[in-house]
Amino acid sequence: MHALATPSSNQSRPGTRRRLMGRLWLSFGLWAGLSLLSSSGVFAAPAEARCSALVASGNPQYPPYLWRDPADENRLIGANADLMQLLAQELGIAIELRYVGPWGRVQEEAKAGRIDLIAGAFWTQARTEYMDYFIPAFHQTRSVIWVDAKSQLNYSRWSDLVGQQGVTVINNSFGEAFDRYAKQSLKISRVASLEQAIQMLQRGRADYLIYEDSPGQAFLAKLDISNVKMLAPAVANEALHLTLSHKSHCNTGDLRGRIARALHKLGGASLLPELLEKNIQRWRQQNQAAK
């Protein structure tokens, strides 16, 4: 009896295997189908559900555009911060202006996707590898040469800087054309902060400093320095853009379109002068209160 039962059991195994394989293929097919639907957006959560808030940062030594709030040094304030709050109202998405470190660190944080937005960056080809730029720009800036008041440097063109020792802040760009020229022909040291760069200029360790005009004037006033002057013409006139990290989980076509339309509606280029004037006064009042 037992000898007859064994062959009967063996004959049933191929059928069992076929049924098992059928179930496995069905499970795989259902998984693959659901994955395809999810990736195509059929079951994907809307952008608003995935992105309830945005984190922005920028150059923290950039008054009146951006600087650290004396009342909360983890927060950035200034004209660009005010513009971001107006943008947040248009989008219906909160935007936090967070201090994450000096300008070089800000760019690294955007590259890694740990912040979503940079509230003010010049266009360079290298930066387009890790963030999207919104057009039009919301402001035009002037980068200029700063020297000691007693300096005899006669500057009218880039070539006048050849043979001189310059200084600026790490990861600062002054437009691709000047950046290329500087790399090939100029000696420029890069330091972590604008205050360090100004100190190098005052101590004679640099012949000139390159930085934007309004932030430079603001910091010299804060430090009560009157023996540094600005030279004309400008080294570069560059557009200031809002950017969005490629690695931001909020970077979707829908959100990019909404931000672009909101910036256009706000008219950033025409709105910013008013915000700048307000924040120049704010900067002065803060520094007067601190003295």
C-alpha atoms as a PDB file:
ATOM      1  CA  MET A   1       0.000   0.000   0.000  1.00  0.00           C
ATOM      2  CA  HIS A   2       2.760   2.414   0.918  1.00  0.00           C
ATOM      3  CA  ALA A   3       4.744   1.462  -2.192  1.00  0.00           C
ATOM      4  CA  LEU A   4       1.794   2.392  -4.410  1.00  0.00           C
ATOM      5  CA  ALA A   5       1.244   5.740  -2.655  1.00  0.00           C
ATOM      6  CA  THR A   6       4.751   7.040  -3.384  1.00  0.00           C
ATOM      7  CA  PRO A   7       4.517   7.174  -7.203  1.00  0.00           C
ATOM      8  CA  SER A   8       1.068   8.774  -6.962  1.00  0.00           C
ATOM      9  CA  SER A   9       2.556  11.556  -4.751  1.00  0.00           C
ATOM     10  CA  ASN A  10       5.437  12.168  -7.173  1.00  0.00           C
ATOM     11  CA  GLN A  11       3.066  12.514 -10.129  1.00  0.00           C
ATOM     12  CA  SER A  12       1.216  15.346  -8.363  1.00  0.00           C
ATOM     13  CA  ARG A  13       4.340  17.516  -7.871  1.00  0.00           C
ATOM     14  CA  PRO A  14       4.605  18.981 -11.429  1.00  0.00           C
ATOM     15  CA  GLY A  15       1.045  20.266 -11.191  1.00  0.00           C
ATOM     16  CA  THR A  16       1.756  21.815  -7.809  1.00  0.00           C
ATOM     17  CA  ARG A  17       4.840  23.523  -9.172  1.00  0.00           C
ATOM     18  CA  ARG A  18       2.874  24.908 -12.131  1.00  0.00           C
ATOM     19  CA  ARG A  19       0.221  26.351  -9.809  1.00  0.00           C
ATOM     20  CA  LEU A  20       2.897  27.880  -7.569  1.00  0.00           C
ATOM     21  CA  MET A  21       4.723  29.442 -10.524  1.00  0.00           C
ATOM     22  CA  GLY A  22       1.438  30.807 -11.817  1.00  0.00           C
ATOM     23  CA  ARG A  23       0.785  32.544  -8.503  1.00  0.00           C
ATOM     24  CA  LEU A  24       4.322  33.980  -8.466  1.00  0.00           C
ATOM     25  CA  TRP A  25       3.962  35.384 -11.997  1.00  0.00           C
ATOM     26  CA  LEU A  26       0.562  36.843 -11.091  1.00  0.00           C
ATOM     27  CA  SER A  27       2.071  38.523  -8.019  1.00  0.00           C
ATOM     28  CA  PHE A  28       4.981  39.858 -10.069  1.00  0.00           C
ATOM     29  CA  GLY A  29       2.602  41.148 -12.748  1.00  0.00           C
ATOM     30  CA  LEU A  30       0.475  42.968 -10.200  1.00  0.00           C
ATOM     31  CA  TRP A  31       3.598  44.510  -8.568  1.00  0.00           C
ATOM     32  CA  ALA A  32       5.010  45.622 -11.933  1.00  0.00           C
ATOM     33  CA  GLY A  33       1.678  47.099 -12.990  1.00  0.00           C
ATOM     34  CA  LEU A  34       1.264  49.052  -9.768  1.00  0.00           C
ATOM     35  CA  SER A  35       4.862  50.296 -10.001  1.00  0.00           C
ATOM     36  CA  LEU A  36       4.251  51.526 -13.554  1.00  0.00           C
ATOM     37  CA  LEU A  37       1.054  53.302 -12.545  1.00  0.00           C
ATOM     38  CA  SER A  38       2.799  54.911  -9.568  1.00  0.00           C
ATOM     39  CA  SER A  39       5.774  56.103 -11.627  1.00  0.00           C
ATOM     40  CA  SER A  40       3.477  57.497 -14.306  1.00  0.00           C
ATOM     41  CA  GLY A  41       1.715  59.581 -11.677  1.00  0.00           C
ATOM     42  CA  VAL A  42      -1.652  57.749 -11.684  1.00  0.00           C
ATOM     43  CA  PHE A  43      -1.359  56.955  -7.962  1.00  0.00           C
ATOM     44  CA  ALA A  44       1.283  59.596  -7.182  1.00  0.00           C
ATOM     45  CA  ALA A  45       0.485  62.130  -4.508  1.00  0.00           C
ATOM     46  CA  PRO A  46      -0.036  65.658  -5.838  1.00  0.00           C
ATOM     47  CA  ALA A  47       2.890  68.084  -5.566  1.00  0.00           C
ATOM     48  CA  GLU A  48       1.127  69.960  -2.763  1.00  0.00           C
ATOM     49  CA  ALA A  49       0.900  66.764  -0.661  1.00  0.00           C
ATOM     50  CA  ARG A  50       4.596  65.943  -1.166  1.00  0.00           C
ATOM     51  CA  CYS A  51       5.746  69.534  -0.704  1.00  0.00           C
ATOM     52  CA  SER A  52       4.044  71.349   2.154  1.00  0.00           C
ATOM     53  CA  ALA A  53       6.995  73.693   2.794  1.00  0.00           C
ATOM     54  CA  LEU A  54      10.219  74.897   1.159  1.00  0.00           C
ATOM     55  CA  VAL A  55      13.569  75.692   2.751  1.00  0.00           C
ATOM     56  CA  ALA A  56      15.518  78.553   1.178  1.00  0.00           C
ATOM     57  CA  SER A  57      18.918  79.993   1.971  1.00  0.00           C
ATOM     58  CA  GLY A  58      21.473  82.312   0.422  1.00  0.00           C
ATOM     59  CA  ASN A  59      24.602  84.339   1.030  1.00  0.00           C
ATOM     60  CA  PRO A  60      24.341  85.418   4.699  1.00  0.00           C
ATOM     61  CA  GLN A  61      26.821  88.283   4.201  1.00  0.00           C
ATOM     62  CA  TYR A  62      24.814  90.077   1.559  1.00  0.00           C
ATOM     63  CA  PRO A  63      22.982  93.049   3.098  1.00  0.00           C
ATOM     64  CA  PRO A  64      20.596  94.580   2.164  1.00  0.00           C
ATOM     65  CA  TYR A  65      19.682  91.444   0.164  1.00  0.00           C
ATOM     66  CA  LEU A  66      20.264  88.857   2.923  1.00  0.00           C
ATOM     67  CA  TRP A  67      21.845  88.694   6.380  1.00  0.00           C
ATOM     68  CA  ARG A  68      21.428  86.840   9.660  1.00  0.00           C
ATOM     69  CA  ASP A  69      18.644  88.042  11.919  1.00  0.00           C
ATOM     70  CA  PRO A  70      20.250  89.376  15.150  1.00  0.00           C
ATOM     71  CA  ALA A  71      17.182  88.167  17.067  1.00  0.00           C
ATOM     72  CA  ASP A  72      17.446  84.629  15.628  1.00  0.00           C
ATOM     73  CA  GLU A  73      20.734  83.787  13.932  1.00  0.00           C
ATOM     74  CA  ASN A  74      19.300  80.614  12.387  1.00  0.00           C
ATOM     75  CA  ARG A  75      17.099  82.855  10.231  1.00  0.00           C
ATOM     76  CA  LEU A  76      17.922  85.102   7.261  1.00  0.00           C
ATOM     77  CA  ILE A  77      16.283  88.487   6.674  1.00  0.00           C
ATOM     78  CA  GLY A  78      16.599  91.155   3.989  1.00  0.00           C
ATOM     79  CA  ALA A  79      15.111  92.186   0.649  1.00  0.00           C
ATOM     80  CA  ASN A  80      15.452  88.694  -0.868  1.00  0.00           C
ATOM     81  CA  ALA A  81      13.838  87.162   2.235  1.00  0.00           C
ATOM     82  CA  ASP A  82      10.915  89.584   1.918  1.00  0.00           C
ATOM     83  CA  LEU A  83      10.541  88.611  -1.736  1.00  0.00           C
ATOM     84  CA  MET A  84      10.438  84.921  -0.728  1.00  0.00           C
ATOM     85  CA  GLN A  85       7.606  85.620   1.712  1.00  0.00           C
ATOM     86  CA  LEU A  86       5.614  87.317  -1.038  1.00  0.00           C
ATOM     87  CA  LEU A  87       6.311  84.304  -3.242  1.00  0.00           C
ATOM     88  CA  ALA A  88       5.136  81.971  -0.452  1.00  0.00           C
ATOM     89  CA  GLN A  89       1.839  83.843  -0.283  1.00  0.00           C
ATOM     90  CA  GLU A  90       1.345  83.454  -4.042  1.00  0.00           C
ATOM     91  CA  LEU A  91       2.190  79.729  -3.946  1.00  0.00           C
ATOM     92  CA  GLY A  92       0.306  78.905  -0.770  1.00  0.00           C
ATOM     93  CA  ILE A  93       3.452  77.082   0.419  1.00  0.00           C
ATOM     94  CA  ALA A  94       5.517  78.213   3.408  1.00  0.00           C
ATOM     95  CA  ILE A  95       9.122  79.219   2.652  1.00  0.00           C
ATOM     96  CA  GLU A  96      11.606  79.193   5.525  1.00  0.00           C
ATOM     97  CA  LEU A  97      14.706  81.405   5.098  1.00  0.00           C
ATOM     98  CA  ARG A  98      17.315  79.383   6.985  1.00  0.00           C
ATOM     99  CA  TYR A  99      20.940  80.143   7.791  1.00  0.00           C
ATOM    100  CA  VAL A 100      22.967  77.040   6.856  1.00  0.00           C
ATOM    101  CA  GLY A 101      26.482  78.511   6.844  1.00  0.00           C
ATOM    102  CA  PRO A 102      28.655  80.712   4.613  1.00  0.00           C
ATOM    103  CA  TRP A 103      28.013  81.118   0.895  1.00  0.00           C
ATOM    104  CA  GLY A 104      30.156  78.152  -0.138  1.00  0.00           C
ATOM    105  CA  ARG A 105      28.268  75.885   2.256  1.00  0.00           C
ATOM    106  CA  VAL A 106      24.917  77.165   0.946  1.00  0.00           C
ATOM    107  CA  GLN A 107      25.822  75.970  -2.550  1.00  0.00           C
ATOM    108  CA  GLU A 108      26.893  72.569  -1.216  1.00  0.00           C
ATOM    109  CA  GLU A 109      23.591  72.230   0.646  1.00  0.00           C
ATOM    110  CA  ALA A 110      21.662  73.003  -2.560  1.00  0.00           C
ATOM    111  CA  LYS A 111      23.771  70.505  -4.506  1.00  0.00           C
ATOM    112  CA  ALA A 112      22.917  67.799  -1.957  1.00  0.00           C
ATOM    113  CA  GLY A 113      19.204  68.726  -1.895  1.00  0.00           C
ATOM    114  CA  ARG A 114      19.261  69.602   1.810  1.00  0.00           C
ATOM    115  CA  ILE A 115      17.781  73.006   0.928  1.00  0.00           C
ATOM    116  CA  ASP A 116      15.248  73.588  -1.834  1.00  0.00           C
ATOM    117  CA  LEU A 117      15.864  77.173  -2.960  1.00  0.00           C
ATOM    118  CA  ILE A 118      18.704  79.663  -3.177  1.00  0.00           C
ATOM    119  CA  ALA A 119      17.275  83.162  -2.850  1.00  0.00           C
ATOM    120  CA  GLY A 120      19.751  84.940  -5.097  1.00  0.00           C
ATOM    121  CA  ALA A 121      22.474  83.387  -7.283  1.00  0.00           C
ATOM    122  CA  PHE A 122      24.335  84.457 -10.412  1.00  0.00           C
ATOM    123  CA  TRP A 123      24.119  82.149 -13.423  1.00  0.00           C
ATOM    124  CA  THR A 124      27.102  79.907 -14.118  1.00  0.00           C
ATOM    125  CA  GLN A 125      27.202  76.789 -16.252  1.00  0.00           C
ATOM    126  CA  ALA A 126      28.640  74.760 -13.372  1.00  0.00           C
ATOM    127  CA  ARG A 127      25.710  75.636 -11.119  1.00  0.00           C
ATOM    128  CA  THR A 128      23.172  74.480 -13.720  1.00  0.00           C
ATOM    129  CA  GLU A 129      24.438  70.951 -13.092  1.00  0.00           C
ATOM    130  CA  TYR A 130      22.694  70.900  -9.716  1.00  0.00           C
ATOM    131  CA  MET A 131      19.965  73.551  -9.754  1.00  0.00           C
ATOM    132  CA  ASP A 132      17.326  75.108 -12.026  1.00  0.00           C
ATOM    133  CA  TYR A 133      17.269  78.864 -12.645  1.00  0.00           C
ATOM    134  CA  PHE A 134      14.063  80.878 -12.824  1.00  0.00           C
ATOM    135  CA  ILE A 135      13.796  83.505 -15.552  1.00  0.00           C
ATOM    136  CA  PRO A 136      13.508  86.438 -15.539  1.00  0.00           C
ATOM    137  CA  ALA A 137      16.026  87.388 -12.860  1.00  0.00           C
ATOM    138  CA  PHE A 138      14.612  89.402  -9.988  1.00  0.00           C
ATOM    139  CA  HIS A 139      17.454  91.943  -9.810  1.00  0.00           C
ATOM    140  CA  GLN A 140      20.604  93.244 -11.534  1.00  0.00           C
ATOM    141  CA  THR A 141      23.712  93.688  -9.394  1.00  0.00           C
ATOM    142  CA  ARG A 142      27.078  95.435  -9.819  1.00  0.00           C
ATOM    143  CA  SER A 143      30.323  93.753  -8.755  1.00  0.00           C
ATOM    144  CA  VAL A 144      33.078  96.289  -8.180  1.00  0.00           C
ATOM    145  CA  ILE A 145      36.698  96.733  -7.115  1.00  0.00           C
ATOM    146  CA  TRP A 146      37.337  97.919  -3.537  1.00  0.00           C
ATOM    147  CA  VAL A 147      40.734  99.307  -2.499  1.00  0.00           C
ATOM    148  CA  ASP A 148      42.373 101.091   0.407  1.00  0.00           C
ATOM    149  CA  ALA A 149      41.654 104.828   0.283  1.00  0.00           C
ATOM    150  CA  LYS A 150      45.378 105.497  -0.303  1.00  0.00           C
ATOM    151  CA  SER A 151      45.714 102.969  -3.109  1.00  0.00           C
ATOM    152  CA  GLN A 152      47.245 104.179  -6.365  1.00  0.00           C
ATOM    153  CA  LEU A 153      45.629 101.398  -8.395  1.00  0.00           C
ATOM    154  CA  ASN A 154      44.449 102.934 -11.666  1.00  0.00           C
ATOM    155  CA  TYR A 155      41.584 100.681 -12.699  1.00  0.00           C
ATOM    156  CA  SER A 156      39.530 101.035 -15.872  1.00  0.00           C
ATOM    157  CA  ARG A 157      39.634  97.507 -17.364  1.00  0.00           C
ATOM    158  CA  TRP A 158      40.234  93.951 -16.184  1.00  0.00           C
ATOM    159  CA  SER A 159      43.830  93.912 -17.446  1.00  0.00           C
ATOM    160  CA  ASP A 160      44.679  96.683 -14.945  1.00  0.00           C
ATOM    161  CA  LEU A 161      44.376  94.028 -12.208  1.00  0.00           C
ATOM    162  CA  VAL A 162      47.140  91.819 -13.658  1.00  0.00           C
ATOM    163  CA  GLY A 163      50.068  91.556 -11.254  1.00  0.00           C
ATOM    164  CA  GLN A 164      47.978  92.737  -8.264  1.00  0.00           C
ATOM    165  CA  GLN A 165      46.846  90.505  -5.407  1.00  0.00           C
ATOM    166  CA  GLY A 166      43.072  90.280  -5.160  1.00  0.00           C
ATOM    167  CA  VAL A 167      40.728  88.756  -2.608  1.00  0.00           C
ATOM    168  CA  THR A 168      37.069  87.717  -2.559  1.00  0.00           C
ATOM    169  CA  VAL A 169      34.757  85.255  -0.798  1.00  0.00           C
ATOM    170  CA  ILE A 170      34.859  81.501  -1.468  1.00  0.00           C
ATOM    171  CA  ASN A 171      32.577  80.323  -4.316  1.00  0.00           C
ATOM    172  CA  ASN A 172      31.709  83.861  -5.406  1.00  0.00           C
ATOM    173  CA  SER A 173      31.107  84.270  -9.119  1.00  0.00           C
ATOM    174  CA  PHE A 174      31.272  87.520 -11.071  1.00  0.00           C
ATOM    175  CA  GLY A 175      29.896  86.238 -14.348  1.00  0.00           C
ATOM    176  CA  GLU A 176      31.395  83.513 -16.513  1.00  0.00           C
ATOM    177  CA  ALA A 177      33.446  85.912 -18.662  1.00  0.00           C
ATOM    178  CA  PHE A 178      35.234  87.515 -15.711  1.00  0.00           C
ATOM    179  CA  ASP A 179      35.570  84.186 -13.880  1.00  0.00           C
ATOM    180  CA  ARG A 180      37.400  82.710 -16.902  1.00  0.00           C
ATOM    181  CA  TYR A 181      39.649  85.765 -17.213  1.00  0.00           C
ATOM    182  CA  ALA A 182      40.439  85.735 -13.495  1.00  0.00           C
ATOM    183  CA  LYS A 183      41.338  82.045 -13.570  1.00  0.00           C
ATOM    184  CA  GLN A 184      43.723  82.561 -16.483  1.00  0.00           C
ATOM    185  CA  SER A 185      45.265  85.942 -15.692  1.00  0.00           C
ATOM    186  CA  LEU A 186      44.669  87.152 -12.111  1.00  0.00           C
ATOM    187  CA  LYS A 187      45.858  86.274  -8.608  1.00  0.00           C
ATOM    188  CA  ILE A 188      42.807  86.147  -6.345  1.00  0.00           C
ATOM    189  CA  SER A 189      42.701  84.598  -2.863  1.00  0.00           C
ATOM    190  CA  ARG A 190      39.374  83.317  -1.561  1.00  0.00           C
ATOM    191  CA  VAL A 191      38.358  83.472   2.091  1.00  0.00           C
ATOM    192  CA  ALA A 192      35.339  82.311   4.079  1.00  0.00           C
ATOM    193  CA  SER A 193      33.741  85.680   4.843  1.00  0.00           C
ATOM    194  CA  LEU A 194      33.530  89.267   3.635  1.00  0.00           C
ATOM    195  CA  GLU A 195      34.857  90.502   6.984  1.00  0.00           C
ATOM    196  CA  GLN A 196      38.005  88.418   6.487  1.00  0.00           C
ATOM    197  CA  ALA A 197      38.437  89.820   2.988  1.00  0.00           C
ATOM    198  CA  ILE A 198      38.107  93.410   4.252  1.00  0.00           C
ATOM    199  CA  GLN A 199      40.661  92.687   6.988  1.00  0.00           C
ATOM    200  CA  MET A 200      43.128  91.355   4.391  1.00  0.00           C
ATOM    201  CA  LEU A 201      42.667  94.543   2.373  1.00  0.00           C
ATOM    202  CA  GLN A 202      43.247  96.752   5.413  1.00  0.00           C
ATOM    203  CA  ARG A 203      46.340  94.831   6.514  1.00  0.00           C
ATOM    204  CA  GLY A 204      47.933  95.136   3.073  1.00  0.00           C
ATOM    205  CA  ARG A 205      47.691  91.415   2.346  1.00  0.00           C
ATOM    206  CA  ALA A 206      45.550  92.179  -0.718  1.00  0.00           C
ATOM    207  CA  ASP A 207      45.653  95.048  -3.192  1.00  0.00           C
ATOM    208  CA  TYR A 208      41.973  94.892  -4.032  1.00  0.00           C
ATOM    209  CA  LEU A 209      38.718  93.211  -3.056  1.00  0.00           C
ATOM    210  CA  ILE A 210      36.000  92.148  -5.509  1.00  0.00           C
ATOM    211  CA  TYR A 211      32.446  92.224  -4.176  1.00  0.00           C
ATOM    212  CA  GLU A 212      29.032  93.666  -4.992  1.00  0.00           C
ATOM    213  CA  ASP A 213      28.499  97.372  -4.364  1.00  0.00           C
ATOM    214  CA  SER A 214      25.518  97.496  -1.965  1.00  0.00           C
ATOM    215  CA  PRO A 215      26.614  94.610   0.293  1.00  0.00           C
ATOM    216  CA  GLY A 216      30.145  96.023   0.378  1.00  0.00           C
ATOM    217  CA  GLN A 217      28.913  99.457   1.431  1.00  0.00           C
ATOM    218  CA  ALA A 218      26.640  97.897   4.057  1.00  0.00           C
ATOM    219  CA  PHE A 219      29.443  95.892   5.673  1.00  0.00           C
ATOM    220  CA  LEU A 220      31.884  98.804   5.662  1.00  0.00           C
ATOM    221  CA  ALA A 221      29.251 100.900   7.458  1.00  0.00           C
ATOM    222  CA  LYS A 222      28.652  98.116  10.003  1.00  0.00           C
ATOM    223  CA  LEU A 223      32.395  97.805  10.699  1.00  0.00           C
ATOM    224  CA  ASP A 224      32.718 101.605  10.827  1.00  0.00           C
ATOM    225  CA  ILE A 225      35.403 101.548   8.116  1.00  0.00           C
ATOM    226  CA  SER A 226      35.847 104.720   6.089  1.00  0.00           C
ATOM    227  CA  ASN A 227      39.290 104.155   4.561  1.00  0.00           C
ATOM    228  CA  VAL A 228      38.137 101.757   1.819  1.00  0.00           C
ATOM    229  CA  LYS A 229      36.816 103.080  -1.476  1.00  0.00           C
ATOM    230  CA  MET A 230      34.972 101.688  -4.479  1.00  0.00           C
ATOM    231  CA  LEU A 231      36.395 102.044  -8.003  1.00  0.00           C
ATOM    232  CA  ALA A 232      34.551 102.453 -11.285  1.00  0.00           C
ATOM    233  CA  PRO A 233      33.665 100.972 -13.717  1.00  0.00           C
ATOM    234  CA  ALA A 234      32.035  97.785 -12.443  1.00  0.00           C
ATOM    235  CA  VAL A 235      33.832  94.493 -12.966  1.00  0.00           C
ATOM    236  CA  ALA A 236      30.534  92.907 -13.963  1.00  0.00           C
ATOM    237  CA  ASN A 237      26.800  93.524 -14.023  1.00  0.00           C
ATOM    238  CA  GLU A 238      25.080  90.270 -13.210  1.00  0.00           C
ATOM    239  CA  ALA A 239      21.497  89.089 -12.845  1.00  0.00           C
ATOM    240  CA  LEU A 240      20.329  87.687  -9.514  1.00  0.00           C
ATOM    241  CA  HIS A 241      18.139  84.586  -9.883  1.00  0.00           C
ATOM    242  CA  LEU A 242      16.008  82.367  -7.707  1.00  0.00           C
ATOM    243  CA  THR A 243      17.126  78.728  -8.085  1.00  0.00           C
ATOM    244  CA  LEU A 244      15.681  75.299  -7.206  1.00  0.00           C
ATOM    245  CA  SER A 245      17.860  72.290  -6.352  1.00  0.00           C
ATOM    246  CA  HIS A 246      17.642  69.343  -8.738  1.00  0.00           C
ATOM    247  CA  LYS A 247      17.607  67.033  -5.692  1.00  0.00           C
ATOM    248  CA  SER A 248      14.783  68.850  -3.915  1.00  0.00           C
ATOM    249  CA  HIS A 249      11.832  66.497  -3.425  1.00  0.00           C
ATOM    250  CA  CYS A 250       9.681  69.504  -4.330  1.00  0.00           C
ATOM    251  CA  ASN A 251      11.276  69.907  -7.774  1.00  0.00           C
ATOM    252  CA  THR A 252       8.401  68.957 -10.056  1.00  0.00           C
ATOM    253  CA  GLY A 253       7.243  70.431 -13.348  1.00  0.00           C
ATOM    254  CA  ASP A 254       4.080  71.615 -11.661  1.00  0.00           C
ATOM    255  CA  LEU A 255       5.913  73.526  -8.920  1.00  0.00           C
ATOM    256  CA  ARG A 256       8.479  75.025 -11.309  1.00  0.00           C
ATOM    257  CA  GLY A 257       5.646  76.366 -13.425  1.00  0.00           C
ATOM    258  CA  ARG A 258       3.843  77.800 -10.405  1.00  0.00           C
ATOM    259  CA  ILE A 259       6.997  79.527  -9.140  1.00  0.00           C
ATOM    260  CA  ALA A 260       7.748  80.995 -12.583  1.00  0.00           C
ATOM    261  CA  ARG A 261       4.204  82.352 -12.908  1.00  0.00           C
ATOM    262  CA  ALA A 262       4.239  83.736  -9.362  1.00  0.00           C
ATOM    263  CA  LEU A 263       7.561  85.541  -9.917  1.00  0.00           C
ATOM    264  CA  HIS A 264       6.227  87.022 -13.135  1.00  0.00           C
ATOM    265  CA  LYS A 265       3.081  88.180 -11.349  1.00  0.00           C
ATOM    266  CA  LEU A 266       5.086  89.722  -8.500  1.00  0.00           C
ATOM    267  CA  GLY A 267       7.317  91.545 -10.975  1.00  0.00           C
ATOM    268  CA  GLY A 268      10.488  90.890  -8.951  1.00  0.00           C
ATOM    269  CA  ALA A 269      12.729  93.203 -10.982  1.00  0.00           C
ATOM    270  CA  SER A 270      10.414  96.172 -10.400  1.00  0.00           C
ATOM    271  CA  LEU A 271       9.490  95.170  -6.834  1.00  0.00           C
ATOM    272  CA  LEU A 272      12.984  94.650  -5.429  1.00  0.00           C
ATOM    273  CA  PRO A 273      14.151  98.318  -5.383  1.00  0.00           C
ATOM    274  CA  GLU A 274      11.338  99.090  -2.925  1.00  0.00           C
ATOM    275  CA  LEU A 275      12.305  96.099  -0.766  1.00  0.00           C
ATOM    276  CA  LEU A 276      15.981  97.108  -0.931  1.00  0.00           C
ATOM    277  CA  GLU A 277      15.283 100.635   0.305  1.00  0.00           C
ATOM    278  CA  LYS A 278      13.237  99.269   3.194  1.00  0.00           C
ATOM    279  CA  ASN A 279      16.023  96.849   4.161  1.00  0.00           C
ATOM    280  CA  ILE A 280      18.819  99.434   3.853  1.00  0.00           C
ATOM    281  CA  GLN A 281      16.991 101.360   6.573  1.00  0.00           C
ATOM    282  CA  ARG A 282      16.471  98.178   8.580  1.00  0.00           C
ATOM    283  CA  TRP A 283      20.188  97.324   8.382  1.00  0.00           C
ATOM    284  CA  ARG A 284      21.185 100.834   9.505  1.00  0.00           C
ATOM    285  CA  GLN A 285      18.756 100.802  12.429  1.00  0.00           C
ATOM    286  CA  GLN A 286      20.028  97.413  13.614  1.00  0.00           C
ATOM    287  CA  ASN A 287      23.644  98.557  13.498  1.00  0.00           C
ATOM    288  CA  GLN A 288      22.880 101.832  15.250  1.00  0.00           C
ATOM    289  CA  ALA A 289      21.071  99.931  18.008  1.00  0.00           C
ATOM    290  CA  ALA A 290      24.057  97.607  18.382  1.00  0.00           C
ATOM    291  CA  LYS A 291      26.557 100.471  18.930  1.00  0.00           C
END
